[in-house]
Amino acid sequence: MNIQKRLLGINVLANSAEPDEKLISYIRRAGFDACFTGWSEDAFVMDARADAVAREGLIYQSIHAPFHKVSRLWEDEGEEGEAYLSMLLSCLRDCKRLDVPIMVTHPIIGMDRHNPTELGVRRYAVLVEEAERLGVCVAFENLEGEEYLALLMERLGDSSAVGFCWDTGHELCYNDSKDMLAFYGKKLVATHLNDNMGRTDPTVNITWHDDAHMLPLDGIADWAGIMARLRRERYEGILTFELKIANNPGRHTNDAYQAWSAEEFFRRAYERAVRVATL
């Protein structure tokens, strides 16, 4: 990796009291080169985000597709499943319209789901076919329910429109620190770099409460090892971080961030990003 030329990116904070345009200006002021946002069905909202990114001279690295009901793609044969696919297609078309090269999507949501279906593969195949037509990459993220990601990569991974988004925090608390890059590193197109305290209670079922999205070096992740694995895969893309200020329910991992403004959070996040990039 060429440290001097390494581009750094971060998410626009969700659920912030400040408008996205202001957050995007903080991201640029902190020193970042790129950012990513979520998706809204409101074209005015998406246009405003894209305008703010361009105005600040940032790279619009990706759009994160909605995921809260993504299990319907696999399980609902009727209108709800088709409606969710339609929503993902709309997000994909916004990526094309706004000149955003990557749409990140979760393969599944739900800690107790381990039964991928042909229905889900067929629907994701429709999404990938449209991505090929548009010239946008669909980046599948590692989460719980590894079977879903594995099946999608097996069946659709040969497409040039399919990529992998590596979430280091998910690997730590959902994938039991399994080396997900060993499976999908050749398709790596995006990163969600973040830290957490791992699976805090292995005697209970995995929950999203451990997915803290802490600043790098605040948790237990092996950042020297993370960077070594990125070098192993010869990844030269943007180092994108996915972080948040708030605690998850019943957790205090992010307590130190509560006293910071959003602007200070991004400034400190950039300092950590630089430290990680130089490991």
C-alpha atoms as a PDB file:
ATOM      1  CA  MET A   1       0.000   0.000   0.000  1.00  0.00           C
ATOM      2  CA  ASN A   2       1.150   3.503  -0.776  1.00  0.00           C
ATOM      3  CA  ILE A   3       0.338   5.282   2.503  1.00  0.00           C
ATOM      4  CA  GLN A   4       0.911   8.740   1.055  1.00  0.00           C
ATOM      5  CA  LYS A   5      -1.763   8.254  -1.581  1.00  0.00           C
ATOM      6  CA  ARG A   6      -4.239   6.267   0.509  1.00  0.00           C
ATOM      7  CA  LEU A   7      -7.733   7.766   0.318  1.00  0.00           C
ATOM      8  CA  LEU A   8      -9.824   7.753   3.501  1.00  0.00           C
ATOM      9  CA  GLY A   9     -13.606   7.779   3.743  1.00  0.00           C
ATOM     10  CA  ILE A  10     -16.348   7.654   6.369  1.00  0.00           C
ATOM     11  CA  ASN A  11     -20.110   7.366   6.701  1.00  0.00           C
ATOM     12  CA  VAL A  12     -22.364  10.386   7.100  1.00  0.00           C
ATOM     13  CA  LEU A  13     -23.706   9.835  10.615  1.00  0.00           C
ATOM     14  CA  ALA A  14     -27.220   8.418  10.783  1.00  0.00           C
ATOM     15  CA  ASN A  15     -29.782   9.913  13.177  1.00  0.00           C
ATOM     16  CA  SER A  16     -27.761  13.068  13.767  1.00  0.00           C
ATOM     17  CA  ALA A  17     -29.541  16.227  14.865  1.00  0.00           C
ATOM     18  CA  GLU A  18     -27.572  18.121  12.237  1.00  0.00           C
ATOM     19  CA  PRO A  19     -28.458  18.038   8.514  1.00  0.00           C
ATOM     20  CA  ASP A  20     -26.509  15.831   6.143  1.00  0.00           C
ATOM     21  CA  GLU A  21     -25.103  18.859   4.324  1.00  0.00           C
ATOM     22  CA  LYS A  22     -23.499  20.104   7.538  1.00  0.00           C
ATOM     23  CA  LEU A  23     -22.141  16.646   8.394  1.00  0.00           C
ATOM     24  CA  ILE A  24     -20.616  16.358   4.941  1.00  0.00           C
ATOM     25  CA  SER A  25     -18.858  19.686   5.443  1.00  0.00           C
ATOM     26  CA  TYR A  26     -17.450  18.397   8.751  1.00  0.00           C
ATOM     27  CA  ILE A  27     -16.176  15.277   7.001  1.00  0.00           C
ATOM     28  CA  ARG A  28     -14.259  17.357   4.490  1.00  0.00           C
ATOM     29  CA  ARG A  29     -12.972  19.736   7.167  1.00  0.00           C
ATOM     30  CA  ALA A  30     -11.673  16.792   9.202  1.00  0.00           C
ATOM     31  CA  GLY A  31      -9.530  15.707   6.265  1.00  0.00           C
ATOM     32  CA  PHE A  32     -11.438  12.789   4.703  1.00  0.00           C
ATOM     33  CA  ASP A  33     -11.418  12.252   0.943  1.00  0.00           C
ATOM     34  CA  ALA A  34     -14.683  10.337   0.598  1.00  0.00           C
ATOM     35  CA  CYS A  35     -17.964   9.506   2.286  1.00  0.00           C
ATOM     36  CA  PHE A  36     -20.977   7.261   1.946  1.00  0.00           C
ATOM     37  CA  THR A  37     -24.625   7.726   2.853  1.00  0.00           C
ATOM     38  CA  GLY A  38     -27.771   5.734   3.280  1.00  0.00           C
ATOM     39  CA  TRP A  39     -30.574   5.816   0.712  1.00  0.00           C
ATOM     40  CA  SER A  40     -33.865   7.686   0.702  1.00  0.00           C
ATOM     41  CA  GLU A  41     -36.726   7.161  -1.714  1.00  0.00           C
ATOM     42  CA  ASP A  42     -37.047  10.950  -1.770  1.00  0.00           C
ATOM     43  CA  ALA A  43     -35.097  12.094  -4.840  1.00  0.00           C
ATOM     44  CA  PHE A  44     -34.784  15.598  -3.388  1.00  0.00           C
ATOM     45  CA  VAL A  45     -32.938  14.197  -0.358  1.00  0.00           C
ATOM     46  CA  MET A  46     -30.570  12.155  -2.498  1.00  0.00           C
ATOM     47  CA  ASP A  47     -29.902  15.076  -4.838  1.00  0.00           C
ATOM     48  CA  ALA A  48     -29.121  17.316  -1.856  1.00  0.00           C
ATOM     49  CA  ARG A  49     -26.647  14.764  -0.501  1.00  0.00           C
ATOM     50  CA  ALA A  50     -24.935  14.390  -3.855  1.00  0.00           C
ATOM     51  CA  ASP A  51     -24.758  18.166  -4.300  1.00  0.00           C
ATOM     52  CA  ALA A  52     -23.190  18.563  -0.842  1.00  0.00           C
ATOM     53  CA  VAL A  53     -20.617  15.844  -1.549  1.00  0.00           C
ATOM     54  CA  ALA A  54     -19.679  17.491  -4.848  1.00  0.00           C
ATOM     55  CA  ARG A  55     -19.578  20.958  -3.302  1.00  0.00           C
ATOM     56  CA  GLU A  56     -17.093  19.744  -0.666  1.00  0.00           C
ATOM     57  CA  GLY A  57     -14.941  18.030  -3.265  1.00  0.00           C
ATOM     58  CA  LEU A  58     -15.455  14.583  -1.737  1.00  0.00           C
ATOM     59  CA  ILE A  59     -15.791  11.251  -3.477  1.00  0.00           C
ATOM     60  CA  TYR A  60     -19.291   9.767  -3.120  1.00  0.00           C
ATOM     61  CA  GLN A  61     -17.923   6.307  -2.384  1.00  0.00           C
ATOM     62  CA  SER A  62     -21.149   4.288  -2.040  1.00  0.00           C
ATOM     63  CA  ILE A  63     -24.795   4.283  -1.071  1.00  0.00           C
ATOM     64  CA  HIS A  64     -25.854   1.830   1.622  1.00  0.00           C
ATOM     65  CA  ALA A  65     -29.150   0.202   0.693  1.00  0.00           C
ATOM     66  CA  PRO A  66     -31.908  -0.275   3.297  1.00  0.00           C
ATOM     67  CA  PHE A  67     -31.641  -3.591   5.110  1.00  0.00           C
ATOM     68  CA  HIS A  68     -34.143  -3.802   7.962  1.00  0.00           C
ATOM     69  CA  LYS A  69     -36.555  -6.076   6.076  1.00  0.00           C
ATOM     70  CA  VAL A  70     -34.169  -7.708   3.632  1.00  0.00           C
ATOM     71  CA  SER A  71     -35.179 -11.185   4.834  1.00  0.00           C
ATOM     72  CA  ARG A  72     -38.372 -10.740   2.801  1.00  0.00           C
ATOM     73  CA  LEU A  73     -36.347 -11.248  -0.360  1.00  0.00           C
ATOM     74  CA  TRP A  74     -35.650 -14.806   0.743  1.00  0.00           C
ATOM     75  CA  GLU A  75     -38.875 -15.668   2.517  1.00  0.00           C
ATOM     76  CA  ASP A  76     -41.835 -13.731   1.096  1.00  0.00           C
ATOM     77  CA  GLU A  77     -43.119 -15.040  -2.215  1.00  0.00           C
ATOM     78  CA  GLY A  78     -45.706 -12.284  -2.533  1.00  0.00           C
ATOM     79  CA  GLU A  79     -45.999  -8.537  -2.722  1.00  0.00           C
ATOM     80  CA  GLU A  80     -43.738  -7.668   0.210  1.00  0.00           C
ATOM     81  CA  GLY A  81     -40.781  -9.565  -1.235  1.00  0.00           C
ATOM     82  CA  GLU A  82     -41.292  -8.023  -4.654  1.00  0.00           C
ATOM     83  CA  ALA A  83     -41.675  -4.560  -3.130  1.00  0.00           C
ATOM     84  CA  TYR A  84     -38.350  -4.935  -1.349  1.00  0.00           C
ATOM     85  CA  LEU A  85     -36.644  -5.955  -4.571  1.00  0.00           C
ATOM     86  CA  SER A  86     -38.215  -2.953  -6.283  1.00  0.00           C
ATOM     87  CA  MET A  87     -36.807  -0.687  -3.558  1.00  0.00           C
ATOM     88  CA  LEU A  88     -33.299  -2.103  -4.018  1.00  0.00           C
ATOM     89  CA  LEU A  89     -33.588  -1.565  -7.759  1.00  0.00           C
ATOM     90  CA  SER A  90     -34.557   2.053  -7.135  1.00  0.00           C
ATOM     91  CA  CYS A  91     -31.512   2.481  -4.897  1.00  0.00           C
ATOM     92  CA  LEU A  92     -29.316   0.948  -7.573  1.00  0.00           C
ATOM     93  CA  ARG A  93     -30.696   3.335 -10.204  1.00  0.00           C
ATOM     94  CA  ASP A  94     -30.012   6.272  -7.909  1.00  0.00           C
ATOM     95  CA  CYS A  95     -26.396   5.113  -7.705  1.00  0.00           C
ATOM     96  CA  LYS A  96     -26.229   5.328 -11.494  1.00  0.00           C
ATOM     97  CA  ARG A  97     -28.055   8.673 -11.635  1.00  0.00           C
ATOM     98  CA  LEU A  98     -25.807  10.246  -9.000  1.00  0.00           C
ATOM     99  CA  ASP A  99     -22.608   8.678 -10.372  1.00  0.00           C
ATOM    100  CA  VAL A 100     -22.002   6.563  -7.263  1.00  0.00           C
ATOM    101  CA  PRO A 101     -20.097   3.404  -8.247  1.00  0.00           C
ATOM    102  CA  ILE A 102     -21.096   1.029  -5.431  1.00  0.00           C
ATOM    103  CA  MET A 103     -24.317   0.006  -3.701  1.00  0.00           C
ATOM    104  CA  VAL A 104     -23.640  -1.829  -0.432  1.00  0.00           C
ATOM    105  CA  THR A 105     -26.328  -4.263   0.637  1.00  0.00           C
ATOM    106  CA  HIS A 106     -26.839  -6.777   3.421  1.00  0.00           C
ATOM    107  CA  PRO A 107     -27.489 -10.332   2.231  1.00  0.00           C
ATOM    108  CA  ILE A 108     -29.752 -11.006   5.238  1.00  0.00           C
ATOM    109  CA  ILE A 109     -30.815  -9.693   8.625  1.00  0.00           C
ATOM    110  CA  GLY A 110     -31.700 -11.911  11.549  1.00  0.00           C
ATOM    111  CA  MET A 111     -29.442 -13.847  13.873  1.00  0.00           C
ATOM    112  CA  ASP A 112     -31.581 -16.988  13.737  1.00  0.00           C
ATOM    113  CA  ARG A 113     -31.846 -17.231   9.954  1.00  0.00           C
ATOM    114  CA  HIS A 114     -29.745 -19.945   8.336  1.00  0.00           C
ATOM    115  CA  ASN A 115     -31.855 -21.192   5.412  1.00  0.00           C
ATOM    116  CA  PRO A 116     -31.209 -19.323   2.163  1.00  0.00           C
ATOM    117  CA  THR A 117     -33.699 -20.081  -0.589  1.00  0.00           C
ATOM    118  CA  GLU A 118     -33.723 -20.231  -4.374  1.00  0.00           C
ATOM    119  CA  LEU A 119     -36.313 -17.454  -4.260  1.00  0.00           C
ATOM    120  CA  GLY A 120     -33.768 -15.110  -2.707  1.00  0.00           C
ATOM    121  CA  VAL A 121     -31.066 -16.056  -5.215  1.00  0.00           C
ATOM    122  CA  ARG A 122     -33.439 -15.378  -8.119  1.00  0.00           C
ATOM    123  CA  ARG A 123     -34.324 -11.973  -6.760  1.00  0.00           C
ATOM    124  CA  TYR A 124     -30.707 -11.003  -6.164  1.00  0.00           C
ATOM    125  CA  ALA A 125     -29.936 -12.244  -9.687  1.00  0.00           C
ATOM    126  CA  VAL A 126     -32.440  -9.664 -11.001  1.00  0.00           C
ATOM    127  CA  LEU A 127     -30.620  -6.998  -8.980  1.00  0.00           C
ATOM    128  CA  VAL A 128     -27.214  -8.075 -10.299  1.00  0.00           C
ATOM    129  CA  GLU A 129     -28.461  -8.166 -13.895  1.00  0.00           C
ATOM    130  CA  GLU A 130     -29.658  -4.578 -13.552  1.00  0.00           C
ATOM    131  CA  ALA A 131     -26.350  -3.615 -11.943  1.00  0.00           C
ATOM    132  CA  GLU A 132     -24.511  -5.065 -14.938  1.00  0.00           C
ATOM    133  CA  ARG A 133     -26.682  -3.021 -17.285  1.00  0.00           C
ATOM    134  CA  LEU A 134     -26.117   0.184 -15.297  1.00  0.00           C
ATOM    135  CA  GLY A 135     -22.420  -0.305 -14.637  1.00  0.00           C
ATOM    136  CA  VAL A 136     -22.858  -0.198 -10.835  1.00  0.00           C
ATOM    137  CA  CYS A 137     -21.323  -2.700  -8.405  1.00  0.00           C
ATOM    138  CA  VAL A 138     -23.473  -4.468  -5.812  1.00  0.00           C
ATOM    139  CA  ALA A 139     -21.232  -5.087  -2.781  1.00  0.00           C
ATOM    140  CA  PHE A 140     -22.489  -7.774  -0.423  1.00  0.00           C
ATOM    141  CA  GLU A 141     -21.481  -7.288   3.206  1.00  0.00           C
ATOM    142  CA  ASN A 142     -20.466  -9.933   5.764  1.00  0.00           C
ATOM    143  CA  LEU A 143     -22.982 -10.272   8.573  1.00  0.00           C
ATOM    144  CA  GLU A 144     -24.715 -12.911  10.626  1.00  0.00           C
ATOM    145  CA  GLY A 145     -26.198 -15.726   8.546  1.00  0.00           C
ATOM    146  CA  GLU A 146     -22.990 -16.422   6.635  1.00  0.00           C
ATOM    147  CA  GLU A 147     -24.810 -19.029   4.545  1.00  0.00           C
ATOM    148  CA  TYR A 148     -26.630 -16.280   2.645  1.00  0.00           C
ATOM    149  CA  LEU A 149     -23.463 -14.453   1.646  1.00  0.00           C
ATOM    150  CA  ALA A 150     -21.778 -17.724   0.720  1.00  0.00           C
ATOM    151  CA  LEU A 151     -24.628 -18.766  -1.563  1.00  0.00           C
ATOM    152  CA  LEU A 152     -24.832 -15.382  -3.275  1.00  0.00           C
ATOM    153  CA  MET A 153     -21.100 -15.340  -3.915  1.00  0.00           C
ATOM    154  CA  GLU A 154     -21.172 -18.923  -5.180  1.00  0.00           C
ATOM    155  CA  ARG A 155     -24.052 -18.322  -7.578  1.00  0.00           C
ATOM    156  CA  LEU A 156     -23.579 -14.679  -8.584  1.00  0.00           C
ATOM    157  CA  GLY A 157     -19.973 -13.901  -7.700  1.00  0.00           C
ATOM    158  CA  ASP A 158     -18.625 -14.389 -11.226  1.00  0.00           C
ATOM    159  CA  SER A 159     -20.439 -11.244 -12.330  1.00  0.00           C
ATOM    160  CA  SER A 160     -18.322  -8.117 -12.724  1.00  0.00           C
ATOM    161  CA  ALA A 161     -21.179  -6.282 -10.996  1.00  0.00           C
ATOM    162  CA  VAL A 162     -20.769  -8.258  -7.746  1.00  0.00           C
ATOM    163  CA  GLY A 163     -18.298  -7.234  -5.077  1.00  0.00           C
ATOM    164  CA  PHE A 164     -17.579  -7.723  -1.393  1.00  0.00           C
ATOM    165  CA  CYS A 165     -17.780  -5.093   1.352  1.00  0.00           C
ATOM    166  CA  TRP A 166     -15.687  -6.151   4.347  1.00  0.00           C
ATOM    167  CA  ASP A 167     -17.008  -5.030   7.723  1.00  0.00           C
ATOM    168  CA  THR A 168     -14.293  -5.600  10.330  1.00  0.00           C
ATOM    169  CA  GLY A 169     -16.675  -5.145  13.260  1.00  0.00           C
ATOM    170  CA  HIS A 170     -19.125  -7.689  11.891  1.00  0.00           C
ATOM    171  CA  GLU A 171     -16.294 -10.137  11.427  1.00  0.00           C
ATOM    172  CA  LEU A 172     -15.330  -9.678  15.073  1.00  0.00           C
ATOM    173  CA  CYS A 173     -18.741 -10.000  16.726  1.00  0.00           C
ATOM    174  CA  TYR A 174     -20.846 -11.902  14.137  1.00  0.00           C
ATOM    175  CA  ASN A 175     -18.330 -14.135  12.347  1.00  0.00           C
ATOM    176  CA  ASP A 176     -16.312 -15.173  15.438  1.00  0.00           C
ATOM    177  CA  SER A 177     -13.185 -13.467  14.028  1.00  0.00           C
ATOM    178  CA  LYS A 178     -13.201 -15.770  11.008  1.00  0.00           C
ATOM    179  CA  ASP A 179     -11.014 -14.370   8.207  1.00  0.00           C
ATOM    180  CA  MET A 180     -13.727 -13.282   5.791  1.00  0.00           C
ATOM    181  CA  LEU A 181     -11.153 -11.878   3.375  1.00  0.00           C
ATOM    182  CA  ALA A 182      -9.792 -15.386   2.940  1.00  0.00           C
ATOM    183  CA  PHE A 183     -13.149 -16.284   1.371  1.00  0.00           C
ATOM    184  CA  TYR A 184     -14.055 -13.123  -0.531  1.00  0.00           C
ATOM    185  CA  GLY A 185     -10.956 -10.934  -0.668  1.00  0.00           C
ATOM    186  CA  LYS A 186     -10.612 -11.314  -4.436  1.00  0.00           C
ATOM    187  CA  LYS A 187     -13.976  -9.543  -4.802  1.00  0.00           C
ATOM    188  CA  LEU A 188     -13.205  -6.782  -2.279  1.00  0.00           C
ATOM    189  CA  VAL A 189     -14.416  -3.387  -3.504  1.00  0.00           C
ATOM    190  CA  ALA A 190     -15.247  -1.563  -0.256  1.00  0.00           C
ATOM    191  CA  THR A 191     -14.507  -1.563   3.467  1.00  0.00           C
ATOM    192  CA  HIS A 192     -16.515  -0.749   6.575  1.00  0.00           C
ATOM    193  CA  LEU A 193     -13.701  -0.430   9.092  1.00  0.00           C
ATOM    194  CA  ASN A 194     -14.768  -0.226  12.738  1.00  0.00           C
ATOM    195  CA  ASP A 195     -14.038  -1.706  16.150  1.00  0.00           C
ATOM    196  CA  ASN A 196     -15.952  -3.377  18.969  1.00  0.00           C
ATOM    197  CA  MET A 197     -15.447  -5.597  21.997  1.00  0.00           C
ATOM    198  CA  GLY A 198     -16.240  -8.838  20.190  1.00  0.00           C
ATOM    199  CA  ARG A 199     -18.959 -11.201  21.296  1.00  0.00           C
ATOM    200  CA  THR A 200     -19.224 -10.097  24.904  1.00  0.00           C
ATOM    201  CA  ASP A 201     -21.161 -13.106  26.168  1.00  0.00           C
ATOM    202  CA  PRO A 202     -20.569 -16.312  24.170  1.00  0.00           C
ATOM    203  CA  THR A 203     -23.124 -18.151  26.303  1.00  0.00           C
ATOM    204  CA  VAL A 204     -26.046 -16.244  24.727  1.00  0.00           C
ATOM    205  CA  ASN A 205     -27.192 -15.911  21.148  1.00  0.00           C
ATOM    206  CA  ILE A 206     -25.468 -13.304  19.010  1.00  0.00           C
ATOM    207  CA  THR A 207     -27.234  -9.934  18.993  1.00  0.00           C
ATOM    208  CA  TRP A 208     -26.608  -6.688  17.143  1.00  0.00           C
ATOM    209  CA  HIS A 209     -25.926  -4.985  20.485  1.00  0.00           C
ATOM    210  CA  ASP A 210     -22.253  -5.996  20.253  1.00  0.00           C
ATOM    211  CA  ASP A 211     -21.921  -4.297  16.855  1.00  0.00           C
ATOM    212  CA  ALA A 212     -20.697  -1.029  18.402  1.00  0.00           C
ATOM    213  CA  HIS A 213     -18.999   0.637  15.393  1.00  0.00           C
ATOM    214  CA  MET A 214     -16.401   2.169  17.698  1.00  0.00           C
ATOM    215  CA  LEU A 215     -13.423   4.194  16.560  1.00  0.00           C
ATOM    216  CA  PRO A 216     -10.477   2.024  15.535  1.00  0.00           C
ATOM    217  CA  LEU A 217      -8.156   1.150  18.432  1.00  0.00           C
ATOM    218  CA  ASP A 218     -10.925   1.637  21.026  1.00  0.00           C
ATOM    219  CA  GLY A 219     -11.943  -2.037  20.928  1.00  0.00           C
ATOM    220  CA  ILE A 220     -10.170  -5.373  20.635  1.00  0.00           C
ATOM    221  CA  ALA A 221      -9.698  -5.615  16.848  1.00  0.00           C
ATOM    222  CA  ASP A 222      -6.198  -6.442  15.610  1.00  0.00           C
ATOM    223  CA  TRP A 223      -5.591  -3.409  13.418  1.00  0.00           C
ATOM    224  CA  ALA A 224      -2.069  -4.385  12.407  1.00  0.00           C
ATOM    225  CA  GLY A 225      -3.529  -7.717  11.299  1.00  0.00           C
ATOM    226  CA  ILE A 226      -6.409  -6.016   9.484  1.00  0.00           C
ATOM    227  CA  MET A 227      -4.024  -3.871   7.477  1.00  0.00           C
ATOM    228  CA  ALA A 228      -1.777  -6.866   6.800  1.00  0.00           C
ATOM    229  CA  ARG A 229      -4.750  -8.750   5.360  1.00  0.00           C
ATOM    230  CA  LEU A 230      -5.649  -5.813   3.132  1.00  0.00           C
ATOM    231  CA  ARG A 231      -2.066  -5.834   1.845  1.00  0.00           C
ATOM    232  CA  ARG A 232      -2.338  -9.581   1.314  1.00  0.00           C
ATOM    233  CA  GLU A 233      -5.337  -9.011  -0.931  1.00  0.00           C
ATOM    234  CA  ARG A 234      -3.597  -6.079  -2.668  1.00  0.00           C
ATOM    235  CA  TYR A 235      -6.518  -3.804  -1.878  1.00  0.00           C
ATOM    236  CA  GLU A 236      -5.746  -0.268  -3.050  1.00  0.00           C
ATOM    237  CA  GLY A 237      -9.240   1.211  -2.838  1.00  0.00           C
ATOM    238  CA  ILE A 238     -10.580   3.787  -0.410  1.00  0.00           C
ATOM    239  CA  LEU A 239     -10.204   2.879   3.266  1.00  0.00           C
ATOM    240  CA  THR A 240     -13.759   3.609   4.348  1.00  0.00           C
ATOM    241  CA  PHE A 241     -14.762   3.662   8.013  1.00  0.00           C
ATOM    242  CA  GLU A 242     -18.284   3.068   9.351  1.00  0.00           C
ATOM    243  CA  LEU A 243     -18.525   4.563  12.834  1.00  0.00           C
ATOM    244  CA  LYS A 244     -21.157   5.921  15.183  1.00  0.00           C
ATOM    245  CA  ILE A 245     -21.451   8.056  18.284  1.00  0.00           C
ATOM    246  CA  ALA A 246     -24.377   6.403  20.070  1.00  0.00           C
ATOM    247  CA  ASN A 247     -24.294   3.355  22.327  1.00  0.00           C
ATOM    248  CA  ASN A 248     -26.266   0.266  21.464  1.00  0.00           C
ATOM    249  CA  PRO A 249     -28.972  -0.779  23.944  1.00  0.00           C
ATOM    250  CA  GLY A 250     -27.502  -1.917  27.250  1.00  0.00           C
ATOM    251  CA  ARG A 251     -23.941  -1.087  26.195  1.00  0.00           C
ATOM    252  CA  HIS A 252     -21.496   1.629  27.249  1.00  0.00           C
ATOM    253  CA  THR A 253     -18.773   1.070  24.679  1.00  0.00           C
ATOM    254  CA  ASN A 254     -19.272   4.487  23.091  1.00  0.00           C
ATOM    255  CA  ASP A 255     -19.676   6.511  26.290  1.00  0.00           C
ATOM    256  CA  ALA A 256     -16.567   8.594  25.642  1.00  0.00           C
ATOM    257  CA  TYR A 257     -18.056   9.922  22.409  1.00  0.00           C
ATOM    258  CA  GLN A 258     -21.165  11.366  24.019  1.00  0.00           C
ATOM    259  CA  ALA A 259     -19.471  14.624  24.988  1.00  0.00           C
ATOM    260  CA  TRP A 260     -18.272  15.276  21.438  1.00  0.00           C
ATOM    261  CA  SER A 261     -20.001  17.298  18.791  1.00  0.00           C
ATOM    262  CA  ALA A 262     -20.386  15.688  15.378  1.00  0.00           C
ATOM    263  CA  GLU A 263     -17.592  17.911  14.098  1.00  0.00           C
ATOM    264  CA  GLU A 264     -15.224  16.745  16.838  1.00  0.00           C
ATOM    265  CA  PHE A 265     -16.234  13.125  16.266  1.00  0.00           C
ATOM    266  CA  PHE A 266     -15.213  13.331  12.612  1.00  0.00           C
ATOM    267  CA  ARG A 267     -11.961  15.076  13.521  1.00  0.00           C
ATOM    268  CA  ARG A 268     -11.041  12.339  15.996  1.00  0.00           C
ATOM    269  CA  ALA A 269     -12.168   9.666  13.555  1.00  0.00           C
ATOM    270  CA  TYR A 270      -9.831  11.063  10.935  1.00  0.00           C
ATOM    271  CA  GLU A 271      -6.921  10.998  13.368  1.00  0.00           C
ATOM    272  CA  ARG A 272      -7.617   7.314  14.033  1.00  0.00           C
ATOM    273  CA  ALA A 273      -8.025   6.595  10.329  1.00  0.00           C
ATOM    274  CA  VAL A 274      -4.595   8.050   9.630  1.00  0.00           C
ATOM    275  CA  ARG A 275      -3.074   5.963  12.434  1.00  0.00           C
ATOM    276  CA  VAL A 276      -4.645   2.816  11.024  1.00  0.00           C
ATOM    277  CA  ALA A 277      -3.549   3.604   7.474  1.00  0.00           C
ATOM    278  CA  THR A 278       0.065   3.852   8.595  1.00  0.00           C
ATOM    279  CA  LEU A 279       0.156   0.496  10.407  1.00  0.00           C
END
